[in-house]
Protein backbone atom coordinates (compact mmCIF):
# COMPACT_ATOMS: atom_id res chain seq x y z
CA MET A 1 -29.49 -5.84 36.82
CA ILE A 2 -25.55 -5.30 38.30
CA ALA A 3 -24.30 -8.18 36.46
CA ARG A 4 -25.64 -6.12 33.13
CA LEU A 5 -23.93 -2.83 34.78
CA ARG A 6 -20.10 -4.53 34.85
CA HIS A 7 -21.19 -6.77 31.22
CA GLY A 8 -21.39 -2.90 30.11
CA LEU A 9 -18.53 -1.94 32.09
CA VAL A 10 -16.35 -4.43 30.58
CA ALA A 11 -17.34 -4.11 26.90
CA GLY A 12 -17.21 0.15 27.25
CA ALA A 13 -13.38 -0.33 28.57
CA ALA A 14 -12.67 -3.15 25.93
CA ALA A 15 -13.60 -0.76 23.42
CA LEU A 16 -11.33 2.19 25.04
CA SER A 17 -8.13 0.06 25.10
CA LEU A 18 -8.87 -0.84 21.04
CA ALA A 19 -9.28 2.87 20.20
CA ALA A 20 -6.62 3.75 22.03
CA CYS A 21 -3.94 1.06 19.78
CA ALA A 22 -5.41 2.37 16.75
CA PRO A 23 -3.14 4.35 14.99
CA HIS A 24 -3.70 7.75 14.36
CA VAL A 25 -3.99 9.33 11.06
CA PRO A 26 -3.91 13.03 9.99
CA GLY A 27 -7.23 14.67 9.19
CA ILE A 28 -7.47 16.95 6.28
CA ALA A 29 -6.85 20.60 7.70
CA ASP A 30 -8.88 23.98 5.88
CA PRO A 31 -6.77 25.73 3.63
CA VAL A 32 -4.78 28.44 4.85
CA ARG A 33 -5.40 30.56 1.93
CA ASP A 34 -7.35 30.11 -1.72
CA ASP A 35 -7.00 32.23 -5.00
CA ALA A 36 -10.23 31.23 -6.46
CA HIS A 37 -11.58 32.88 -9.95
CA CYS A 38 -15.29 32.19 -9.63
CA ARG A 39 -16.00 35.50 -9.98
CA PRO A 40 -19.04 36.24 -8.89
CA ARG A 41 -19.30 33.55 -6.94
CA GLU A 42 -16.58 31.86 -3.97
CA ALA A 43 -14.98 28.49 -3.99
CA ARG A 44 -16.82 25.94 -1.48
CA ILE A 45 -13.62 25.04 1.14
CA THR A 46 -15.14 21.06 1.45
CA SER A 47 -15.43 20.92 -2.40
CA ILE A 48 -11.21 21.61 -2.91
CA ARG A 49 -10.57 18.78 0.77
CA SER A 50 -12.94 16.35 -1.74
CA VAL A 51 -11.12 16.72 -4.61
CA LEU A 52 -7.94 16.37 -2.61
CA THR A 53 -8.74 13.03 -1.08
CA SER A 54 -10.57 11.85 -4.15
CA MET A 55 -6.84 11.95 -6.04
CA ASN A 56 -5.67 8.56 -7.42
CA ASP A 57 -2.45 7.42 -6.17
CA ALA A 58 -0.15 8.02 -9.04
CA VAL A 59 1.96 10.86 -10.66
CA GLY A 60 0.88 12.17 -13.87
CA ASP A 61 3.83 12.06 -16.65
CA ASP A 62 3.79 15.93 -17.17
CA ARG A 63 5.52 18.84 -14.79
CA PRO A 64 3.45 21.82 -15.67
CA THR A 65 5.27 24.99 -15.05
CA GLN A 66 2.94 28.03 -12.59
CA SER A 67 2.24 29.91 -15.93
CA GLU A 68 0.22 26.23 -17.46
CA ILE A 69 -1.51 25.87 -13.98
CA THR A 70 -2.36 28.83 -13.60
CA THR A 71 -3.48 29.77 -17.28
CA ALA A 72 -5.68 26.51 -16.63
CA VAL A 73 -7.67 27.73 -13.24
CA ARG A 74 -8.27 30.74 -14.99
CA SER A 75 -10.29 29.13 -17.95
CA GLY A 76 -13.11 28.91 -15.86
CA ASP A 77 -14.19 27.53 -12.06
CA GLY A 78 -10.51 27.40 -10.71
CA VAL A 79 -8.91 27.63 -7.94
CA ILE A 80 -5.53 27.09 -5.75
CA ALA A 81 -5.50 26.53 -2.78
CA TYR A 82 -2.58 27.02 -0.20
CA TRP A 83 -1.77 24.46 3.30
CA ASN A 84 1.48 24.55 5.63
CA ASP A 85 2.64 20.95 4.62
CA GLN A 86 -0.51 19.18 4.89
CA VAL A 87 -0.02 15.38 5.29
CA LEU A 88 -2.11 13.27 2.40
CA ARG A 89 -1.66 9.67 2.54
CA LEU A 90 -1.10 7.87 -0.69
CA PRO A 91 1.70 5.13 -0.23
CA GLN A 92 3.39 4.86 -3.67
CA THR A 93 3.41 8.96 -4.62
CA ALA A 94 5.25 9.19 -0.93
CA ALA A 95 7.38 6.20 -1.78
CA ARG A 96 7.99 7.75 -5.07
CA PHE A 97 8.88 11.34 -3.27
CA GLY A 98 10.92 9.59 -1.22
CA GLU A 99 9.06 9.83 2.65
CA ARG A 100 8.65 6.89 4.38
CA ASP A 101 5.28 7.17 6.14
CA GLY A 102 3.17 7.17 3.35
CA TYR A 103 2.50 10.82 3.38
CA VAL A 104 2.72 12.87 0.98
CA ARG A 105 2.76 17.04 1.93
CA VAL A 106 1.27 19.28 0.09
CA ARG A 107 1.84 22.70 -0.01
CA ALA A 108 -0.77 23.72 -2.95
CA LEU A 109 -3.70 22.30 -4.83
CA ALA A 110 -4.48 23.62 -8.31
CA ILE A 111 -7.73 22.50 -9.38
CA PRO A 112 -9.20 23.97 -12.61
CA PRO A 113 -12.76 23.13 -14.15
CA ALA A 114 -13.81 19.62 -14.84
CA PRO A 115 -14.34 19.16 -18.45
CA THR A 116 -17.76 18.51 -19.61
CA GLY A 117 -18.73 14.93 -20.00
CA SER A 118 -15.79 13.53 -17.76
CA THR A 119 -15.27 11.35 -14.38
CA TYR A 120 -12.24 12.44 -13.51
CA ARG A 121 -10.64 15.74 -14.01
CA HIS A 122 -6.78 16.60 -13.86
CA VAL A 123 -5.35 18.77 -10.80
CA TYR A 124 -1.85 20.31 -10.07
CA LEU A 125 0.02 18.76 -6.47
CA GLU A 126 2.88 20.57 -5.37
CA ALA A 127 4.19 18.51 -2.73
CA ARG A 128 8.31 17.66 -1.39
CA ASP A 129 9.72 15.82 -3.38
CA HIS A 130 13.03 14.71 -1.68
CA GLY A 131 13.64 17.95 -0.04
CA SER A 132 12.07 20.18 -2.78
CA TYR A 133 8.73 21.38 -3.62
CA ARG A 134 7.36 20.35 -7.27
CA TRP A 135 4.08 20.46 -8.98
CA PHE A 136 2.94 17.32 -10.48
CA THR A 137 -0.14 16.27 -12.69
CA MET A 138 -2.62 13.64 -10.31
CA GLN A 139 -5.81 12.44 -11.28
CA ALA A 140 -8.78 13.55 -9.10
CA ASN A 141 -12.34 11.69 -9.62
CA ASP A 142 -14.60 14.15 -7.73
CA ILE A 143 -15.56 16.60 -10.55
CA GLN A 144 -17.88 18.49 -8.40
CA ASN A 145 -18.10 22.57 -9.56
CA ILE A 146 -15.90 24.27 -6.32
CA CYS A 147 -17.49 27.46 -6.85
CA ILE A 148 -20.76 28.35 -4.94
CA GLU A 149 -23.22 31.18 -5.31
CA GLY A 150 -22.69 34.20 -2.16
CA HIS A 151 -20.09 34.32 0.84
CA LYS A 152 -17.34 32.68 1.00
CA GLN A 153 -18.23 29.06 2.82
CA THR A 154 -15.44 27.67 5.41
């Protein structure tokens, strides 16, 4: 019995020491605000976070204007979500933007409706690029509708 207890304590101590050595990965926070175009429905925060984390690690060629982004989002059930420098692990994109730690600094994400029958959607990311924030076109694999019936969900 005592031997079994010692074995359990040793195994537990080993697990704790390994966990302490693991790198810290920042989580994805809820947006600080969102501009949803879902009337009369509301934007689902979990869907916004899911679209954000489903982006491919490659930047599109076009650089959309604020007017083009707003038009795309308002064309259906779309949303623009805002953060205070949310970090997002996209190593290749981060290197292109001059970030050395592999994380892109996200200020906003514009999510227009997904095209019917598509397996991906284009989204617009406002991210820090060599010290200045700019909009970029990205591809996200999550195509769920971000609007839900009822009240705002957090």
